Amino acid sequence: MKDMNLFQVNQHLRAIVNNGFSADLETGELLFDESQLNDLENTKAEKFLAIGKMIKEKEAFAKSIKDQEKVMAKRRKYLENEIKRLKDWALSNMTDKEKFEDAQIKVSYSKGSESVEVLDLETLDPKYVVEKYTYSADKKALKEALKGGGIIEGVTLVRKPSLRLK
């Protein structure tokens, strides 16, 4: 029974419940082989415990990856800042006529494309300002209203079961 998957365990449990009972015709007592049922329940418990352990292991692994992402993000940010400082230094020490080249790289000054930099949005003429609006549902207020007996079209209160591991 140990090598059964969870689906097979549940199938066997149903079969025992549906077919495994017999009745003593004299007493009316229901009889069944309890050892089979106990073995299947133990197998089912082992499967769920194994799943729980796998989940905990994968959560720990995901957390270690997340921690490494934070460390790598700090390293990346440091390198990006260093790159910016090096570019700024090079730009401040080159003229637009200078070019430097060897077998691996070519370094030259570029004027770049024109772009607009807004220094103070508040002082702009309103014709140069674009307003953007975003809307989202106030889920907390909706939940309170629904729990209070309110009926709101297009909204429903749902409960999503979760697996608790300790």
Protein backbone atom coordinates (compact mmCIF):
# COMPACT_ATOMS: atom_id res chain seq x y z
CA MET A 1 0.00 0.00 0.00
CA LYS A 2 2.97 2.31 0.52
CA ASP A 3 3.66 2.61 -3.22
CA MET A 4 0.15 3.89 -4.04
CA ASN A 5 -0.36 7.46 -5.09
CA LEU A 6 -2.91 9.64 -3.30
CA PHE A 7 -5.54 9.09 -6.00
CA GLN A 8 -5.24 5.33 -5.57
CA VAL A 9 -5.42 5.63 -1.77
CA ASN A 10 -8.64 7.64 -2.04
CA GLN A 11 -10.04 5.14 -4.56
CA HIS A 12 -9.35 2.25 -2.20
CA LEU A 13 -10.88 4.15 0.73
CA ARG A 14 -14.06 4.72 -1.29
CA ALA A 15 -14.13 1.07 -2.35
CA ILE A 16 -13.87 -0.09 1.27
CA VAL A 17 -16.58 2.31 2.37
CA ASN A 18 -18.85 1.42 -0.58
CA ASN A 19 -18.16 -2.30 -0.90
CA GLY A 20 -16.14 -3.41 2.09
CA PHE A 21 -18.98 -3.51 4.59
CA SER A 22 -20.95 -6.62 5.24
CA ALA A 23 -23.84 -7.06 7.64
CA ASP A 24 -24.39 -9.74 10.24
CA LEU A 25 -27.91 -10.83 9.35
CA GLU A 26 -28.71 -11.99 12.90
CA THR A 27 -27.58 -8.88 14.79
CA GLY A 28 -27.76 -6.25 12.02
CA GLU A 29 -24.20 -5.20 12.88
CA LEU A 30 -22.05 -3.76 10.06
CA LEU A 31 -18.74 -5.60 9.66
CA PHE A 32 -15.61 -4.71 7.67
CA ASP A 33 -11.88 -5.37 7.65
CA GLU A 34 -10.62 -2.50 9.78
CA SER A 35 -6.94 -3.26 9.15
CA GLN A 36 -7.27 -2.37 5.44
CA LEU A 37 -8.92 0.92 6.33
CA ASN A 38 -6.26 1.72 8.92
CA ASP A 39 -3.45 0.90 6.45
CA LEU A 40 -4.99 3.19 3.83
CA GLU A 41 -5.51 6.01 6.34
CA ASN A 42 -1.87 5.68 7.44
CA THR A 43 -0.72 5.74 3.80
CA LYS A 44 -2.86 8.83 3.15
CA ALA A 45 -1.44 10.55 6.24
CA GLU A 46 2.11 9.74 5.11
CA LYS A 47 1.39 11.22 1.67
CA PHE A 48 0.07 14.50 3.11
CA LEU A 49 2.95 14.74 5.59
CA ALA A 50 5.40 14.18 2.72
CA ILE A 51 3.66 16.89 0.69
CA GLY A 52 3.83 19.25 3.67
CA LYS A 53 7.55 18.58 4.06
CA MET A 54 8.12 19.18 0.33
CA ILE A 55 6.28 22.49 0.57
CA LYS A 56 8.35 23.60 3.58
CA GLU A 57 11.56 22.62 1.78
CA LYS A 58 10.59 24.52 -1.38
CA GLU A 59 9.54 27.56 0.67
CA ALA A 60 12.97 27.59 2.34
CA PHE A 61 14.64 27.25 -1.06
CA ALA A 62 12.52 30.10 -2.50
CA LYS A 63 13.43 32.26 0.52
CA SER A 64 17.15 31.59 -0.01
CA ILE A 65 16.76 32.61 -3.67
CA LYS A 66 14.92 35.77 -2.61
CA ASP A 67 17.71 36.59 -0.14
CA GLN A 68 20.29 36.09 -2.89
CA GLU A 69 18.25 38.34 -5.19
CA LYS A 70 18.54 41.11 -2.59
CA VAL A 71 22.31 40.64 -2.36
CA MET A 72 22.63 40.57 -6.15
CA ALA A 73 20.42 43.69 -6.49
CA LYS A 74 22.77 45.56 -4.14
CA ARG A 75 25.78 44.44 -6.16
CA ARG A 76 24.06 45.43 -9.42
CA LYS A 77 23.14 48.86 -8.03
CA TYR A 78 26.75 49.40 -6.90
CA LEU A 79 28.02 48.50 -10.38
CA GLU A 80 25.44 50.73 -12.09
CA ASN A 81 26.50 53.65 -9.90
CA GLU A 82 30.14 52.98 -10.66
CA ILE A 83 29.35 52.87 -14.41
CA LYS A 84 27.51 56.19 -14.14
CA ARG A 85 30.46 57.82 -12.32
CA LEU A 86 32.89 56.54 -14.96
CA LYS A 87 30.70 57.79 -17.83
CA ASP A 88 30.21 61.18 -16.14
CA TRP A 89 33.98 61.53 -15.63
CA ALA A 90 34.68 60.58 -19.24
CA LEU A 91 32.05 63.02 -20.58
CA SER A 92 33.37 65.86 -18.46
CA ASN A 93 36.91 65.26 -19.70
CA MET A 94 36.24 64.80 -23.44
CA THR A 95 35.34 67.15 -26.26
CA ASP A 96 32.94 66.38 -29.06
CA LYS A 97 35.83 66.01 -31.51
CA GLU A 98 37.80 63.38 -29.57
CA LYS A 99 37.70 59.67 -30.43
CA PHE A 100 39.74 56.88 -28.90
CA GLU A 101 39.97 53.40 -30.40
CA ASP A 102 41.89 50.17 -30.08
CA ALA A 103 41.30 46.55 -31.17
CA GLN A 104 38.62 46.00 -28.51
CA ILE A 105 36.72 49.25 -28.13
CA LYS A 106 35.96 52.67 -29.55
CA VAL A 107 35.19 55.60 -27.22
CA SER A 108 33.76 58.83 -28.58
CA TYR A 109 31.71 61.79 -27.43
CA SER A 110 28.09 61.99 -28.61
CA LYS A 111 25.87 65.05 -28.28
CA GLY A 112 22.86 62.79 -27.76
CA SER A 113 19.27 63.43 -28.78
CA GLU A 114 17.23 66.33 -27.47
CA SER A 115 14.76 65.66 -24.67
CA VAL A 116 12.65 67.82 -22.38
CA GLU A 117 13.45 67.98 -18.70
CA VAL A 118 10.68 69.51 -16.55
CA LEU A 119 12.17 71.36 -13.60
CA ASP A 120 8.92 72.57 -11.98
CA LEU A 121 5.59 71.04 -13.00
CA GLU A 122 3.61 73.52 -10.90
CA THR A 123 4.71 76.54 -12.95
CA LEU A 124 3.72 75.02 -16.31
CA ASP A 125 0.80 76.40 -18.30
CA PRO A 126 -2.10 73.90 -17.89
CA LYS A 127 -2.15 73.27 -21.65
CA TYR A 128 1.19 71.46 -21.20
CA VAL A 129 -0.03 69.25 -18.36
CA VAL A 130 -1.68 65.87 -18.83
CA GLU A 131 -3.78 64.46 -16.01
CA LYS A 132 -3.95 60.72 -15.46
CA TYR A 133 -6.58 58.97 -13.37
CA THR A 134 -6.61 55.47 -11.98
CA TYR A 135 -9.45 53.73 -10.23
CA SER A 136 -9.50 50.72 -8.00
CA ALA A 137 -12.11 49.09 -5.82
CA ASP A 138 -12.06 49.78 -2.07
CA LYS A 139 -12.04 46.10 -1.16
CA LYS A 140 -12.02 46.72 2.59
CA ALA A 141 -15.20 48.84 2.43
CA LEU A 142 -16.81 46.33 0.04
CA LYS A 143 -16.04 43.44 2.40
CA GLU A 144 -17.53 45.30 5.36
CA ALA A 145 -20.67 46.13 3.36
CA LEU A 146 -21.10 42.53 2.18
CA LYS A 147 -20.53 41.12 5.67
CA GLY A 148 -23.10 43.61 6.94
CA GLY A 149 -25.69 42.01 4.68
CA GLY A 150 -25.38 44.38 1.74
CA ILE A 151 -25.86 43.19 -1.82
CA ILE A 152 -23.58 44.87 -4.34
CA GLU A 153 -23.88 44.09 -8.03
CA GLY A 154 -20.68 42.80 -9.60
CA VAL A 155 -19.11 41.88 -6.25
CA THR A 156 -19.09 38.66 -4.29
CA LEU A 157 -17.44 37.56 -1.07
CA VAL A 158 -15.28 34.46 -1.60
CA ARG A 159 -13.25 32.33 0.74
CA LYS A 160 -10.11 30.80 -0.68
CA PRO A 161 -8.91 27.79 1.30
CA SER A 162 -5.23 27.57 2.06
CA LEU A 163 -2.88 24.92 3.34
CA ARG A 164 -1.52 25.62 6.82
CA LEU A 165 1.96 24.29 7.62
CA LYS A 166 3.64 24.76 10.97
